[in-house]
Amino acid sequence: MNVKSVSVSRFLKAIEENALVFDTRAKAQYLHDGLRGSTHLSLEAVQNGTYPDVAKNEAIYLLCEYGQISELVGLYLENAGFTNVHNVTGGMKSVREHAKLIDE
């Protein structure tokens, strides 16, 4: 098993295609600047056996602030049988930097 890494540009294309996005940051961070359409999914939740209510083969995109916690969440999901898990390289930090480049 191996959580697939995905670039920010590929992730943003996936969002345009209505991808399932789970934000694994702390709830307060998610509420502050979570991406529209994303769902909060904490590391603690998956450690306790709470998983997304989606098909195990559905494409799932995970992000956190830097990409490390979301990768760990992805490993838990894969261990639970999810087969199409993607981790956004660089997390929200990279998403914000990418957005700055687009806005300039």
PDB file of N, CA and C in Angstrom:
ATOM      1  N   MET A   1       0.849  -1.192   0.000  1.00  0.00           N
ATOM      2  CA  MET A   1       0.000   0.000   0.000  1.00  0.00           C
ATOM      3  C   MET A   1       0.883   1.239   0.000  1.00  0.00           C
ATOM      4  N   ASN A   2       0.385   2.250  -0.670  1.00  0.00           N
ATOM      5  CA  ASN A   2       1.178   3.454  -0.815  1.00  0.00           C
ATOM      6  C   ASN A   2       0.245   4.619  -1.145  1.00  0.00           C
ATOM      7  N   VAL A   3       0.121   5.561  -0.221  1.00  0.00           N
ATOM      8  CA  VAL A   3      -0.696   6.744  -0.473  1.00  0.00           C
ATOM      9  C   VAL A   3      -0.079   7.480  -1.656  1.00  0.00           C
ATOM     10  N   LYS A   4      -0.897   7.812  -2.641  1.00  0.00           N
ATOM     11  CA  LYS A   4      -0.396   8.492  -3.836  1.00  0.00           C
ATOM     12  C   LYS A   4      -0.208   9.982  -3.547  1.00  0.00           C
ATOM     13  N   SER A   5       0.940  10.523  -3.895  1.00  0.00           N
ATOM     14  CA  SER A   5       1.170  11.961  -3.771  1.00  0.00           C
ATOM     15  C   SER A   5       0.626  12.634  -5.021  1.00  0.00           C
ATOM     16  N   VAL A   6       0.010  13.787  -4.828  1.00  0.00           N
ATOM     17  CA  VAL A   6      -0.552  14.522  -5.960  1.00  0.00           C
ATOM     18  C   VAL A   6      -0.128  15.983  -5.844  1.00  0.00           C
ATOM     19  N   SER A   7       0.247  16.573  -6.970  1.00  0.00           N
ATOM     20  CA  SER A   7       0.682  17.974  -6.980  1.00  0.00           C
ATOM     21  C   SER A   7      -0.510  18.896  -6.737  1.00  0.00           C
ATOM     22  N   VAL A   8      -0.222  20.113  -6.334  1.00  0.00           N
ATOM     23  CA  VAL A   8      -1.280  21.099  -6.111  1.00  0.00           C
ATOM     24  C   VAL A   8      -2.050  21.349  -7.400  1.00  0.00           C
ATOM     25  N   SER A   9      -1.353  21.461  -8.530  1.00  0.00           N
ATOM     26  CA  SER A   9      -2.062  21.736  -9.784  1.00  0.00           C
ATOM     27  C   SER A   9      -3.003  20.587 -10.139  1.00  0.00           C
ATOM     28  N   ARG A  10      -2.582  19.345  -9.937  1.00  0.00           N
ATOM     29  CA  ARG A  10      -3.462  18.195 -10.203  1.00  0.00           C
ATOM     30  C   ARG A  10      -4.631  18.187  -9.208  1.00  0.00           C
ATOM     31  N   PHE A  11      -4.358  18.526  -7.969  1.00  0.00           N
ATOM     32  CA  PHE A  11      -5.394  18.594  -6.942  1.00  0.00           C
ATOM     33  C   PHE A  11      -6.448  19.638  -7.315  1.00  0.00           C
ATOM     34  N   LEU A  12      -6.009  20.800  -7.771  1.00  0.00           N
ATOM     35  CA  LEU A  12      -6.958  21.851  -8.139  1.00  0.00           C
ATOM     36  C   LEU A  12      -7.824  21.419  -9.325  1.00  0.00           C
ATOM     37  N   LYS A  13      -7.252  20.652 -10.251  1.00  0.00           N
ATOM     38  CA  LYS A  13      -8.059  20.096 -11.347  1.00  0.00           C
ATOM     39  C   LYS A  13      -9.078  19.109 -10.810  1.00  0.00           C
ATOM     40  N   ALA A  14      -8.663  18.298  -9.854  1.00  0.00           N
ATOM     41  CA  ALA A  14      -9.572  17.322  -9.251  1.00  0.00           C
ATOM     42  C   ALA A  14     -10.733  18.031  -8.545  1.00  0.00           C
ATOM     43  N   ILE A  15     -10.446  19.160  -7.894  1.00  0.00           N
ATOM     44  CA  ILE A  15     -11.510  19.933  -7.232  1.00  0.00           C
ATOM     45  C   ILE A  15     -12.525  20.405  -8.267  1.00  0.00           C
ATOM     46  N   GLU A  16     -12.034  20.866  -9.414  1.00  0.00           N
ATOM     47  CA  GLU A  16     -12.945  21.300 -10.484  1.00  0.00           C
ATOM     48  C   GLU A  16     -13.845  20.167 -10.946  1.00  0.00           C
ATOM     49  N   GLU A  17     -13.381  18.929 -10.768  1.00  0.00           N
ATOM     50  CA  GLU A  17     -14.153  17.747 -11.159  1.00  0.00           C
ATOM     51  C   GLU A  17     -14.927  17.174  -9.978  1.00  0.00           C
ATOM     52  N   ASN A  18     -15.138  17.999  -8.935  1.00  0.00           N
ATOM     53  CA  ASN A  18     -15.908  17.618  -7.741  1.00  0.00           C
ATOM     54  C   ASN A  18     -15.292  16.480  -6.941  1.00  0.00           C
ATOM     55  N   ALA A  19     -13.984  16.529  -6.758  1.00  0.00           N
ATOM     56  CA  ALA A  19     -13.282  15.513  -5.982  1.00  0.00           C
ATOM     57  C   ALA A  19     -13.735  15.537  -4.522  1.00  0.00           C
ATOM     58  N   LEU A  20     -13.609  14.390  -3.869  1.00  0.00           N
ATOM     59  CA  LEU A  20     -13.864  14.304  -2.436  1.00  0.00           C
ATOM     60  C   LEU A  20     -12.601  14.756  -1.711  1.00  0.00           C
ATOM     61  N   VAL A  21     -12.718  15.838  -0.945  1.00  0.00           N
ATOM     62  CA  VAL A  21     -11.564  16.412  -0.256  1.00  0.00           C
ATOM     63  C   VAL A  21     -11.800  16.359   1.248  1.00  0.00           C
ATOM     64  N   PHE A  22     -10.816  15.833   1.949  1.00  0.00           N
ATOM     65  CA  PHE A  22     -10.875  15.773   3.404  1.00  0.00           C
ATOM     66  C   PHE A  22      -9.695  16.540   3.976  1.00  0.00           C
ATOM     67  N   ASP A  23     -10.007  17.477   4.860  1.00  0.00           N
ATOM     68  CA  ASP A  23      -9.010  18.329   5.513  1.00  0.00           C
ATOM     69  C   ASP A  23      -8.709  17.703   6.869  1.00  0.00           C
ATOM     70  N   THR A  24      -7.452  17.328   7.085  1.00  0.00           N
ATOM     71  CA  THR A  24      -7.082  16.596   8.296  1.00  0.00           C
ATOM     72  C   THR A  24      -6.459  17.486   9.368  1.00  0.00           C
ATOM     73  N   ARG A  25      -6.498  18.784   9.161  1.00  0.00           N
ATOM     74  CA  ARG A  25      -5.937  19.705  10.162  1.00  0.00           C
ATOM     75  C   ARG A  25      -6.850  19.758  11.394  1.00  0.00           C
ATOM     76  N   ALA A  26      -6.386  20.462  12.412  1.00  0.00           N
ATOM     77  CA  ALA A  26      -7.208  20.671  13.603  1.00  0.00           C
ATOM     78  C   ALA A  26      -8.517  21.350  13.195  1.00  0.00           C
ATOM     79  N   LYS A  27      -9.579  21.061  13.909  1.00  0.00           N
ATOM     80  CA  LYS A  27     -10.903  21.585  13.574  1.00  0.00           C
ATOM     81  C   LYS A  27     -10.881  23.111  13.454  1.00  0.00           C
ATOM     82  N   ALA A  28     -10.178  23.798  14.362  1.00  0.00           N
ATOM     83  CA  ALA A  28     -10.127  25.265  14.321  1.00  0.00           C
ATOM     84  C   ALA A  28      -9.481  25.762  13.035  1.00  0.00           C
ATOM     85  N   GLN A  29      -8.406  25.101  12.587  1.00  0.00           N
ATOM     86  CA  GLN A  29      -7.759  25.490  11.335  1.00  0.00           C
ATOM     87  C   GLN A  29      -8.703  25.258  10.158  1.00  0.00           C
ATOM     88  N   TYR A  30      -9.364  24.119  10.167  1.00  0.00           N
ATOM     89  CA  TYR A  30     -10.308  23.802   9.094  1.00  0.00           C
ATOM     90  C   TYR A  30     -11.420  24.849   9.027  1.00  0.00           C
ATOM     91  N   LEU A  31     -11.959  25.219  10.182  1.00  0.00           N
ATOM     92  CA  LEU A  31     -13.036  26.207  10.207  1.00  0.00           C
ATOM     93  C   LEU A  31     -12.545  27.589   9.771  1.00  0.00           C
ATOM     94  N   HIS A  32     -11.272  27.878  10.025  1.00  0.00           N
ATOM     95  CA  HIS A  32     -10.703  29.184   9.673  1.00  0.00           C
ATOM     96  C   HIS A  32     -10.508  29.337   8.169  1.00  0.00           C
ATOM     97  N   ASP A  33      -9.922  28.321   7.528  1.00  0.00           N
ATOM     98  CA  ASP A  33      -9.625  28.486   6.098  1.00  0.00           C
ATOM     99  C   ASP A  33      -9.713  27.175   5.307  1.00  0.00           C
ATOM    100  N   GLY A  34     -10.655  26.334   5.683  1.00  0.00           N
ATOM    101  CA  GLY A  34     -10.860  25.098   4.926  1.00  0.00           C
ATOM    102  C   GLY A  34     -11.370  25.405   3.528  1.00  0.00           C
ATOM    103  N   LEU A  35     -11.026  24.555   2.593  1.00  0.00           N
ATOM    104  CA  LEU A  35     -11.474  24.751   1.218  1.00  0.00           C
ATOM    105  C   LEU A  35     -12.966  24.492   1.102  1.00  0.00           C
ATOM    106  N   ARG A  36     -13.621  25.311   0.323  1.00  0.00           N
ATOM    107  CA  ARG A  36     -15.054  25.144   0.084  1.00  0.00           C
ATOM    108  C   ARG A  36     -15.298  23.735  -0.475  1.00  0.00           C
ATOM    109  N   GLY A  37     -16.257  23.043   0.100  1.00  0.00           N
ATOM    110  CA  GLY A  37     -16.592  21.700  -0.357  1.00  0.00           C
ATOM    111  C   GLY A  37     -15.813  20.593   0.328  1.00  0.00           C
ATOM    112  N   SER A  38     -14.818  20.951   1.137  1.00  0.00           N
ATOM    113  CA  SER A  38     -14.055  19.919   1.837  1.00  0.00           C
ATOM    114  C   SER A  38     -14.775  19.522   3.124  1.00  0.00           C
ATOM    115  N   THR A  39     -14.385  18.390   3.660  1.00  0.00           N
ATOM    116  CA  THR A  39     -14.948  17.857   4.894  1.00  0.00           C
ATOM    117  C   THR A  39     -13.821  17.646   5.886  1.00  0.00           C
ATOM    118  N   HIS A  40     -14.085  17.931   7.155  1.00  0.00           N
ATOM    119  CA  HIS A  40     -13.056  17.726   8.174  1.00  0.00           C
ATOM    120  C   HIS A  40     -12.969  16.238   8.517  1.00  0.00           C
ATOM    121  N   LEU A  41     -11.745  15.731   8.614  1.00  0.00           N
ATOM    122  CA  LEU A  41     -11.484  14.344   9.017  1.00  0.00           C
ATOM    123  C   LEU A  41     -10.185  14.340   9.804  1.00  0.00           C
ATOM    124  N   SER A  42     -10.286  14.218  11.111  1.00  0.00           N
ATOM    125  CA  SER A  42      -9.090  14.320  11.952  1.00  0.00           C
ATOM    126  C   SER A  42      -8.331  12.994  12.041  1.00  0.00           C
ATOM    127  N   LEU A  43      -7.054  13.106  12.341  1.00  0.00           N
ATOM    128  CA  LEU A  43      -6.218  11.938  12.577  1.00  0.00           C
ATOM    129  C   LEU A  43      -6.810  11.113  13.715  1.00  0.00           C
ATOM    130  N   GLU A  44      -7.254  11.783  14.770  1.00  0.00           N
ATOM    131  CA  GLU A  44      -7.819  11.090  15.919  1.00  0.00           C
ATOM    132  C   GLU A  44      -9.047  10.276  15.516  1.00  0.00           C
ATOM    133  N   ALA A  45      -9.862  10.823  14.621  1.00  0.00           N
ATOM    134  CA  ALA A  45     -11.066  10.103  14.178  1.00  0.00           C
ATOM    135  C   ALA A  45     -10.688   8.795  13.489  1.00  0.00           C
ATOM    136  N   VAL A  46      -9.753   8.846  12.554  1.00  0.00           N
ATOM    137  CA  VAL A  46      -9.391   7.614  11.846  1.00  0.00           C
ATOM    138  C   VAL A  46      -8.651   6.642  12.761  1.00  0.00           C
ATOM    139  N   GLN A  47      -7.891   7.175  13.708  1.00  0.00           N
ATOM    140  CA  GLN A  47      -7.230   6.296  14.672  1.00  0.00           C
ATOM    141  C   GLN A  47      -8.263   5.538  15.512  1.00  0.00           C
ATOM    142  N   ASN A  48      -9.423   6.170  15.699  1.00  0.00           N
ATOM    143  CA  ASN A  48     -10.500   5.548  16.472  1.00  0.00           C
ATOM    144  C   ASN A  48     -11.489   4.782  15.595  1.00  0.00           C
ATOM    145  N   GLY A  49     -11.166   4.635  14.303  1.00  0.00           N
ATOM    146  CA  GLY A  49     -11.997   3.826  13.421  1.00  0.00           C
ATOM    147  C   GLY A  49     -13.138   4.548  12.741  1.00  0.00           C
ATOM    148  N   THR A  50     -13.119   5.883  12.732  1.00  0.00           N
ATOM    149  CA  THR A  50     -14.141   6.653  12.025  1.00  0.00           C
ATOM    150  C   THR A  50     -13.606   6.996  10.638  1.00  0.00           C
ATOM    151  N   TYR A  51     -14.292   6.463   9.625  1.00  0.00           N
ATOM    152  CA  TYR A  51     -13.836   6.635   8.245  1.00  0.00           C
ATOM    153  C   TYR A  51     -14.898   7.349   7.422  1.00  0.00           C
ATOM    154  N   PRO A  52     -14.498   7.915   6.289  1.00  0.00           N
ATOM    155  CA  PRO A  52     -15.485   8.560   5.409  1.00  0.00           C
ATOM    156  C   PRO A  52     -16.530   7.543   4.946  1.00  0.00           C
ATOM    157  N   ASP A  53     -17.755   8.008   4.828  1.00  0.00           N
ATOM    158  CA  ASP A  53     -18.849   7.154   4.383  1.00  0.00           C
ATOM    159  C   ASP A  53     -18.938   7.217   2.855  1.00  0.00           C
ATOM    160  N   VAL A  54     -17.929   6.654   2.212  1.00  0.00           N
ATOM    161  CA  VAL A  54     -17.852   6.630   0.747  1.00  0.00           C
ATOM    162  C   VAL A  54     -17.378   5.239   0.335  1.00  0.00           C
ATOM    163  N   ALA A  55     -17.566   4.927  -0.938  1.00  0.00           N
ATOM    164  CA  ALA A  55     -17.088   3.645  -1.463  1.00  0.00           C
ATOM    165  C   ALA A  55     -15.576   3.539  -1.272  1.00  0.00           C
ATOM    166  N   LYS A  56     -15.119   2.358  -0.954  1.00  0.00           N
ATOM    167  CA  LYS A  56     -13.693   2.148  -0.681  1.00  0.00           C
ATOM    168  C   LYS A  56     -12.814   2.419  -1.901  1.00  0.00           C
ATOM    169  N   ASN A  57     -13.385   2.399  -3.112  1.00  0.00           N
ATOM    170  CA  ASN A  57     -12.588   2.661  -4.309  1.00  0.00           C
ATOM    171  C   ASN A  57     -12.756   4.088  -4.835  1.00  0.00           C
ATOM    172  N   GLU A  58     -13.543   4.909  -4.138  1.00  0.00           N
ATOM    173  CA  GLU A  58     -13.746   6.317  -4.517  1.00  0.00           C
ATOM    174  C   GLU A  58     -12.433   7.086  -4.335  1.00  0.00           C
ATOM    175  N   ALA A  59     -12.118   7.980  -5.268  1.00  0.00           N
ATOM    176  CA  ALA A  59     -10.920   8.816  -5.135  1.00  0.00           C
ATOM    177  C   ALA A  59     -11.109   9.791  -3.981  1.00  0.00           C
ATOM    178  N   ILE A  60     -10.161   9.783  -3.066  1.00  0.00           N
ATOM    179  CA  ILE A  60     -10.179  10.639  -1.886  1.00  0.00           C
ATOM    180  C   ILE A  60      -8.906  11.477  -1.888  1.00  0.00           C
ATOM    181  N   TYR A  61      -9.066  12.786  -1.694  1.00  0.00           N
ATOM    182  CA  TYR A  61      -7.921  13.691  -1.623  1.00  0.00           C
ATOM    183  C   TYR A  61      -7.812  14.209  -0.201  1.00  0.00           C
ATOM    184  N   LEU A  62      -6.622  14.090   0.374  1.00  0.00           N
ATOM    185  CA  LEU A  62      -6.371  14.517   1.753  1.00  0.00           C
ATOM    186  C   LEU A  62      -5.384  15.667   1.772  1.00  0.00           C
ATOM    187  N   LEU A  63      -5.636  16.611   2.678  1.00  0.00           N
ATOM    188  CA  LEU A  63      -4.638  17.644   2.879  1.00  0.00           C
ATOM    189  C   LEU A  63      -4.634  18.091   4.322  1.00  0.00           C
ATOM    190  N   CYS A  64      -3.485  18.587   4.735  1.00  0.00           N
ATOM    191  CA  CYS A  64      -3.311  19.189   6.053  1.00  0.00           C
ATOM    192  C   CYS A  64      -2.509  20.461   5.816  1.00  0.00           C
ATOM    193  N   GLU A  65      -1.783  20.934   6.785  1.00  0.00           N
ATOM    194  CA  GLU A  65      -1.043  22.182   6.576  1.00  0.00           C
ATOM    195  C   GLU A  65       0.178  21.977   5.689  1.00  0.00           C
ATOM    196  N   TYR A  66       0.927  20.886   5.918  1.00  0.00           N
ATOM    197  CA  TYR A  66       2.167  20.664   5.171  1.00  0.00           C
ATOM    198  C   TYR A  66       2.206  19.337   4.401  1.00  0.00           C
ATOM    199  N   GLY A  67       1.236  18.466   4.600  1.00  0.00           N
ATOM    200  CA  GLY A  67       1.184  17.202   3.878  1.00  0.00           C
ATOM    201  C   GLY A  67       1.617  15.981   4.663  1.00  0.00           C
ATOM    202  N   GLN A  68       1.988  16.167   5.934  1.00  0.00           N
ATOM    203  CA  GLN A  68       2.484  15.037   6.717  1.00  0.00           C
ATOM    204  C   GLN A  68       1.368  14.316   7.476  1.00  0.00           C
ATOM    205  N   ILE A  69       0.528  15.069   8.166  1.00  0.00           N
ATOM    206  CA  ILE A  69      -0.583  14.452   8.899  1.00  0.00           C
ATOM    207  C   ILE A  69      -1.543  13.788   7.918  1.00  0.00           C
ATOM    208  N   SER A  70      -1.811  14.457   6.807  1.00  0.00           N
ATOM    209  CA  SER A  70      -2.735  13.880   5.823  1.00  0.00           C
ATOM    210  C   SER A  70      -2.173  12.573   5.256  1.00  0.00           C
ATOM    211  N   GLU A  71      -0.866  12.489   5.107  1.00  0.00           N
ATOM    212  CA  GLU A  71      -0.286  11.229   4.635  1.00  0.00           C
ATOM    213  C   GLU A  71      -0.520  10.117   5.660  1.00  0.00           C
ATOM    214  N   LEU A  72      -0.369  10.453   6.916  1.00  0.00           N
ATOM    215  CA  LEU A  72      -0.618   9.473   7.980  1.00  0.00           C
ATOM    216  C   LEU A  72      -2.089   9.039   7.976  1.00  0.00           C
ATOM    217  N   VAL A  73      -2.993   9.996   7.837  1.00  0.00           N
ATOM    218  CA  VAL A  73      -4.421   9.671   7.731  1.00  0.00           C
ATOM    219  C   VAL A  73      -4.643   8.739   6.540  1.00  0.00           C
ATOM    220  N   GLY A  74      -3.978   9.025   5.434  1.00  0.00           N
ATOM    221  CA  GLY A  74      -4.094   8.177   4.250  1.00  0.00           C
ATOM    222  C   GLY A  74      -3.665   6.739   4.509  1.00  0.00           C
ATOM    223  N   LEU A  75      -2.615   6.568   5.279  1.00  0.00           N
ATOM    224  CA  LEU A  75      -2.161   5.216   5.617  1.00  0.00           C
ATOM    225  C   LEU A  75      -3.216   4.477   6.430  1.00  0.00           C
ATOM    226  N   TYR A  76      -3.845   5.168   7.369  1.00  0.00           N
ATOM    227  CA  TYR A  76      -4.942   4.558   8.134  1.00  0.00           C
ATOM    228  C   TYR A  76      -6.091   4.169   7.212  1.00  0.00           C
ATOM    229  N   LEU A  77      -6.427   5.060   6.277  1.00  0.00           N
ATOM    230  CA  LEU A  77      -7.524   4.760   5.352  1.00  0.00           C
ATOM    231  C   LEU A  77      -7.184   3.549   4.487  1.00  0.00           C
ATOM    232  N   GLU A  78      -5.973   3.506   3.967  1.00  0.00           N
ATOM    233  CA  GLU A  78      -5.573   2.357   3.162  1.00  0.00           C
ATOM    234  C   GLU A  78      -5.600   1.071   3.979  1.00  0.00           C
ATOM    235  N   ASN A  79      -5.172   1.157   5.220  1.00  0.00           N
ATOM    236  CA  ASN A  79      -5.201  -0.010   6.098  1.00  0.00           C
ATOM    237  C   ASN A  79      -6.635  -0.482   6.333  1.00  0.00           C
ATOM    238  N   ALA A  80      -7.595   0.456   6.243  1.00  0.00           N
ATOM    239  CA  ALA A  80      -9.015   0.125   6.424  1.00  0.00           C
ATOM    240  C   ALA A  80      -9.654  -0.339   5.112  1.00  0.00           C
ATOM    241  N   GLY A  81      -8.874  -0.390   4.035  1.00  0.00           N
ATOM    242  CA  GLY A  81      -9.391  -0.914   2.782  1.00  0.00           C
ATOM    243  C   GLY A  81      -9.684   0.095   1.694  1.00  0.00           C
ATOM    244  N   PHE A  82      -9.437   1.380   1.943  1.00  0.00           N
ATOM    245  CA  PHE A  82      -9.624   2.391   0.897  1.00  0.00           C
ATOM    246  C   PHE A  82      -8.479   2.244  -0.110  1.00  0.00           C
ATOM    247  N   THR A  83      -8.814   2.268  -1.399  1.00  0.00           N
ATOM    248  CA  THR A  83      -7.823   1.920  -2.414  1.00  0.00           C
ATOM    249  C   THR A  83      -7.410   3.062  -3.339  1.00  0.00           C
ATOM    250  N   ASN A  84      -8.019   4.235  -3.187  1.00  0.00           N
ATOM    251  CA  ASN A  84      -7.750   5.334  -4.122  1.00  0.00           C
ATOM    252  C   ASN A  84      -7.513   6.628  -3.346  1.00  0.00           C
ATOM    253  N   VAL A  85      -6.474   6.618  -2.507  1.00  0.00           N
ATOM    254  CA  VAL A  85      -6.193   7.715  -1.575  1.00  0.00           C
ATOM    255  C   VAL A  85      -5.034   8.557  -2.105  1.00  0.00           C
ATOM    256  N   HIS A  86      -5.251   9.879  -2.151  1.00  0.00           N
ATOM    257  CA  HIS A  86      -4.260  10.829  -2.654  1.00  0.00           C
ATOM    258  C   HIS A  86      -3.935  11.852  -1.576  1.00  0.00           C
ATOM    259  N   ASN A  87      -2.660  12.140  -1.405  1.00  0.00           N
ATOM    260  CA  ASN A  87      -2.209  13.157  -0.462  1.00  0.00           C
ATOM    261  C   ASN A  87      -1.672  14.355  -1.236  1.00  0.00           C
ATOM    262  N   VAL A  88      -2.150  15.544  -0.900  1.00  0.00           N
ATOM    263  CA  VAL A  88      -1.716  16.757  -1.597  1.00  0.00           C
ATOM    264  C   VAL A  88      -0.316  17.147  -1.117  1.00  0.00           C
ATOM    265  N   THR A  89       0.635  17.113  -2.016  1.00  0.00           N
ATOM    266  CA  THR A  89       2.025  17.442  -1.698  1.00  0.00           C
ATOM    267  C   THR A  89       2.127  18.889  -1.217  1.00  0.00           C
ATOM    268  N   GLY A  90       2.680  19.057  -0.016  1.00  0.00           N
ATOM    269  CA  GLY A  90       2.871  20.397   0.525  1.00  0.00           C
ATOM    270  C   GLY A  90       1.660  20.967   1.233  1.00  0.00           C
ATOM    271  N   GLY A  91       0.525  20.284   1.188  1.00  0.00           N
ATOM    272  CA  GLY A  91      -0.665  20.670   1.937  1.00  0.00           C
ATOM    273  C   GLY A  91      -1.209  22.060   1.625  1.00  0.00           C
ATOM    274  N   MET A  92      -1.916  22.611   2.600  1.00  0.00           N
ATOM    275  CA  MET A  92      -2.543  23.925   2.431  1.00  0.00           C
ATOM    276  C   MET A  92      -1.508  25.018   2.200  1.00  0.00           C
ATOM    277  N   LYS A  93      -0.326  24.851   2.760  1.00  0.00           N
ATOM    278  CA  LYS A  93       0.732  25.846   2.522  1.00  0.00           C
ATOM    279  C   LYS A  93       1.000  25.963   1.022  1.00  0.00           C
ATOM    280  N   SER A  94       1.133  24.842   0.341  1.00  0.00           N
ATOM    281  CA  SER A  94       1.372  24.862  -1.106  1.00  0.00           C
ATOM    282  C   SER A  94       0.155  25.348  -1.880  1.00  0.00           C
ATOM    283  N   VAL A  95      -1.032  24.998  -1.409  1.00  0.00           N
ATOM    284  CA  VAL A  95      -2.256  25.480  -2.070  1.00  0.00           C
ATOM    285  C   VAL A  95      -2.304  27.003  -2.006  1.00  0.00           C
ATOM    286  N   ARG A  96      -2.016  27.577  -0.821  1.00  0.00           N
ATOM    287  CA  ARG A  96      -2.011  29.036  -0.675  1.00  0.00           C
ATOM    288  C   ARG A  96      -0.961  29.679  -1.582  1.00  0.00           C
ATOM    289  N   GLU A  97       0.238  29.096  -1.628  1.00  0.00           N
ATOM    290  CA  GLU A  97       1.310  29.651  -2.470  1.00  0.00           C
ATOM    291  C   GLU A  97       0.911  29.590  -3.942  1.00  0.00           C
ATOM    292  N   HIS A  98       0.296  28.518  -4.353  1.00  0.00           N
ATOM    293  CA  HIS A  98      -0.166  28.356  -5.731  1.00  0.00           C
ATOM    294  C   HIS A  98      -1.212  29.424  -6.058  1.00  0.00           C
ATOM    295  N   ALA A  99      -2.125  29.640  -5.122  1.00  0.00           N
ATOM    296  CA  ALA A  99      -3.172  30.652  -5.318  1.00  0.00           C
ATOM    297  C   ALA A  99      -2.564  32.047  -5.450  1.00  0.00           C
ATOM    298  N   LYS A 100      -1.527  32.346  -4.687  1.00  0.00           N
ATOM    299  CA  LYS A 100      -0.854  33.643  -4.788  1.00  0.00           C
ATOM    300  C   LYS A 100      -0.282  33.828  -6.184  1.00  0.00           C
ATOM    301  N   LEU A 101       0.328  32.781  -6.731  1.00  0.00           N
ATOM    302  CA  LEU A 101       0.913  32.872  -8.064  1.00  0.00           C
ATOM    303  C   LEU A 101      -0.160  33.101  -9.110  1.00  0.00           C
ATOM    304  N   ILE A 102      -1.309  32.484  -8.918  1.00  0.00           N
ATOM    305  CA  ILE A 102      -2.415  32.662  -9.869  1.00  0.00           C
ATOM    306  C   ILE A 102      -2.969  34.075  -9.793  1.00  0.00           C
ATOM    307  N   ASP A 103      -3.067  34.626  -8.589  1.00  0.00           N
ATOM    308  CA  ASP A 103      -3.663  35.952  -8.393  1.00  0.00           C
ATOM    309  C   ASP A 103      -2.763  37.083  -8.882  1.00  0.00           C
ATOM    310  N   GLU A 104      -1.476  36.830  -8.985  1.00  0.00           N
ATOM    311  CA  GLU A 104      -0.552  37.914  -9.359  1.00  0.00           C
ATOM    312  C   GLU A 104      -0.595  38.211 -10.837  1.00  0.00           C
TER     313      GLU A 104
END
